[in-house]
Every structure is written in structure tokens, then in C-alpha cells.
Amino acid sequence: MKQNSPELTTRILHFSIQLSPTPRGARLARLLAAEQLRSWGLPLDPARQVIAELSANAVTHGRDPGRDFRLLLYVVADTLRVEVTDTRDDRLPVLSDSGSGLLPGLPPRKTVWAEIDLAPEPKNMDFGGAGGLPEGPHR
């Protein structure tokens, strides 16, 4: 009997929550996101720091009283994308590098995002030094 090769599957995970644009809302974003990452079996760091920073920026610089900000986490394959949408469109951040950015939304709102690579880093591989020969005095 011929065995079929396993199909390549891509996992897609999603979490979204709206929170008040207050320091408490930013703290809840970090705590709830950490719990969600734990439940998915994903590492907490550096995602926790990214979430804390983007949420704090949303409540400090993007606050529009009475309008919530939204935290969105989703994972596709080995990439975690963190998006924070606030309700002020008059303060747009500057694109800093290829791993984060800005998505203008319907007025008045904007989304700031960052992507985090979740692929495990390769272990230190020991190939036995130069050419696989033992190290030590040479004769």
C-alpha cells in the first residue's frame, strides 16, 4: 500500500479585542494578549513588549475620548502580526522598517502593525572545528 505524503498545512490563528483608550486599556491589551499567546503555545517575548508599546502609543498619542482602540493578533504559518487601531488620523507614525508599518483606515482611524517571526532559531551546530579535525597541538 502506497502512503501519501503529508499535506503542507498552514495554521491561522486570530484574536481581536476592543479596549478603552486608557492606561488600564493598554495594560489589559498586554495581559489578554499574553494569555492568548500562551493558549496558542507561542512564546510571549518579544510579542509582549511590542503589544505593550503599540497599545501605550494608541492610548497616549491616538486617543480620541469615548472611542475604543482595537488589538488584533493573528498568526499565519510562522509569523505573528500585531495590529493596533486607534481613532485619531491626525497623528500618523512614520514607517521605521520593513517589519512594521502604518495602514490608514476609514477616517478617523489608523492601524499600526508589527510582524514577529516565530520560527525557531537554529541551534548552535558544532561541526568539530576547522575541517572536522580535532583541535590541539599539530605535529
Protein backbone atom coordinates (compact mmCIF):
# COMPACT_ATOMS: atom_id res chain seq x y z
CA MET A 1 0.00 0.00 0.00
CA LYS A 2 1.41 3.38 -1.03
CA GLN A 3 1.49 6.11 1.60
CA ASN A 4 0.63 9.65 0.64
CA SER A 5 3.00 12.37 1.71
CA PRO A 6 1.59 14.62 4.42
CA GLU A 7 -0.05 17.75 3.08
CA LEU A 8 1.50 21.08 3.88
CA THR A 9 -0.81 22.85 6.30
CA THR A 10 -0.70 26.46 7.36
CA ARG A 11 -2.12 27.32 10.73
CA ILE A 12 -4.10 30.52 11.01
CA LEU A 13 -4.90 31.87 14.47
CA HIS A 14 -6.87 35.03 15.22
CA PHE A 15 -7.65 37.19 18.29
CA SER A 16 -9.28 40.63 18.36
CA ILE A 17 -10.48 42.84 21.20
CA GLN A 18 -11.60 46.44 21.65
CA LEU A 19 -10.41 48.27 24.73
CA SER A 20 -10.86 51.67 26.31
CA PRO A 21 -8.22 54.26 25.31
CA THR A 22 -6.85 54.48 28.85
CA PRO A 23 -3.71 53.24 30.60
CA ARG A 24 -5.88 50.43 32.01
CA GLY A 25 -6.95 49.50 28.47
CA ALA A 26 -3.31 49.36 27.35
CA ARG A 27 -2.43 47.15 30.33
CA LEU A 28 -5.38 44.84 29.59
CA ALA A 29 -4.25 44.60 25.96
CA ARG A 30 -0.85 43.33 27.10
CA LEU A 31 -2.27 40.91 29.68
CA LEU A 32 -5.03 39.49 27.46
CA ALA A 33 -2.66 39.12 24.52
CA ALA A 34 -0.15 37.27 26.70
CA GLU A 35 -2.88 34.85 27.79
CA GLN A 36 -3.93 34.32 24.18
CA LEU A 37 -0.34 33.65 23.09
CA ARG A 38 0.02 31.18 25.99
CA SER A 39 -3.16 29.37 24.93
CA TRP A 40 -1.78 29.07 21.40
CA GLY A 41 1.51 27.72 22.77
CA LEU A 42 3.51 30.64 21.37
CA PRO A 43 6.42 32.48 23.00
CA LEU A 44 5.46 35.61 24.94
CA ASP A 45 8.53 37.65 24.08
CA PRO A 46 9.19 39.78 22.12
CA ALA A 47 5.45 39.98 21.28
CA ARG A 48 4.52 41.16 24.78
CA GLN A 49 6.85 44.17 24.50
CA VAL A 50 5.57 45.04 21.01
CA ILE A 51 1.94 44.83 22.17
CA ALA A 52 2.69 46.97 25.23
CA GLU A 53 4.41 49.64 23.12
CA LEU A 54 1.76 49.81 20.39
CA SER A 55 -1.08 49.84 22.93
CA ALA A 56 0.57 52.53 25.03
CA ASN A 57 1.09 54.63 21.89
CA ALA A 58 -2.58 54.20 20.95
CA VAL A 59 -3.82 55.47 24.32
CA THR A 60 -1.18 58.21 24.61
CA HIS A 61 -0.99 59.58 21.08
CA GLY A 62 -4.05 58.15 19.32
CA ARG A 63 -6.66 58.68 21.97
CA ASP A 64 -10.00 60.07 20.96
CA PRO A 65 -12.13 60.26 24.13
CA GLY A 66 -15.06 57.88 24.07
CA ARG A 67 -13.69 55.76 21.20
CA ASP A 68 -12.02 52.41 21.83
CA PHE A 69 -8.81 51.12 20.29
CA ARG A 70 -8.58 47.63 18.83
CA LEU A 71 -5.87 45.00 19.29
CA LEU A 72 -5.67 42.30 16.64
CA LEU A 73 -3.32 39.33 16.73
CA TYR A 74 -3.11 36.79 14.01
CA VAL A 75 -0.71 34.06 13.13
CA VAL A 76 -0.17 32.68 9.65
CA ALA A 77 2.44 29.94 9.45
CA ASP A 78 5.45 31.22 11.45
CA THR A 79 4.53 34.92 11.57
CA LEU A 80 2.66 36.75 14.31
CA ARG A 81 1.15 40.04 13.19
CA VAL A 82 0.20 42.55 15.89
CA GLU A 83 -2.13 45.36 14.82
CA VAL A 84 -3.36 48.22 16.98
CA THR A 85 -6.01 50.51 15.53
CA ASP A 86 -6.75 53.83 17.17
CA THR A 87 -9.25 56.55 16.29
CA ARG A 88 -7.08 59.58 15.53
CA ASP A 89 -5.98 60.17 12.00
CA ASP A 90 -4.20 63.48 12.58
CA ARG A 91 -1.12 61.86 14.18
CA LEU A 92 0.33 59.38 11.73
CA PRO A 93 3.51 57.50 12.71
CA VAL A 94 6.48 57.26 10.37
CA LEU A 95 7.37 53.94 8.78
CA SER A 96 10.54 52.76 10.51
CA ASP A 97 11.49 49.47 8.84
CA SER A 98 10.10 46.62 6.77
CA GLY A 99 8.80 44.74 9.83
CA SER A 100 6.29 47.35 10.92
CA GLY A 101 4.12 49.95 9.34
CA LEU A 102 1.01 52.01 9.07
CA LEU A 103 -2.30 51.29 7.42
CA PRO A 104 -4.61 54.30 7.17
CA GLY A 105 -8.17 53.20 7.81
CA LEU A 106 -11.53 54.79 7.24
CA PRO A 107 -11.47 58.21 8.91
CA PRO A 108 -10.92 58.72 11.69
CA ARG A 109 -8.71 55.73 12.44
CA LYS A 110 -5.32 54.26 11.68
CA THR A 111 -3.64 50.92 12.19
CA VAL A 112 -0.04 50.47 13.29
CA TRP A 113 1.37 46.96 12.92
CA ALA A 114 4.42 44.82 13.51
CA GLU A 115 5.28 41.29 12.39
CA ILE A 116 7.26 38.88 14.51
CA ASP A 117 8.95 35.77 13.12
CA LEU A 118 8.02 32.77 15.26
CA ALA A 119 10.26 30.24 13.51
CA PRO A 120 12.66 28.66 15.96
CA GLU A 121 16.22 29.85 15.63
CA PRO A 122 18.67 27.18 14.53
CA LYS A 123 20.56 25.55 17.36
CA ASN A 124 24.28 26.17 17.60
CA MET A 125 25.74 23.49 15.41
CA ASP A 126 29.18 22.14 16.17
CA PHE A 127 30.98 20.83 13.13
CA GLY A 128 34.15 19.88 15.01
CA GLY A 129 36.19 23.00 14.30
CA ALA A 130 38.26 23.52 11.17
CA GLY A 131 37.51 20.80 8.68
CA GLY A 132 36.24 18.46 11.39
CA LEU A 133 39.76 17.81 12.68
CA PRO A 134 40.45 17.69 16.40
CA GLU A 135 41.86 20.89 17.86
CA GLY A 136 45.18 20.84 19.66
CA PRO A 137 48.93 20.79 19.00
CA HIS A 138 49.88 19.82 15.48
CA ARG A 139 52.88 17.58 14.72
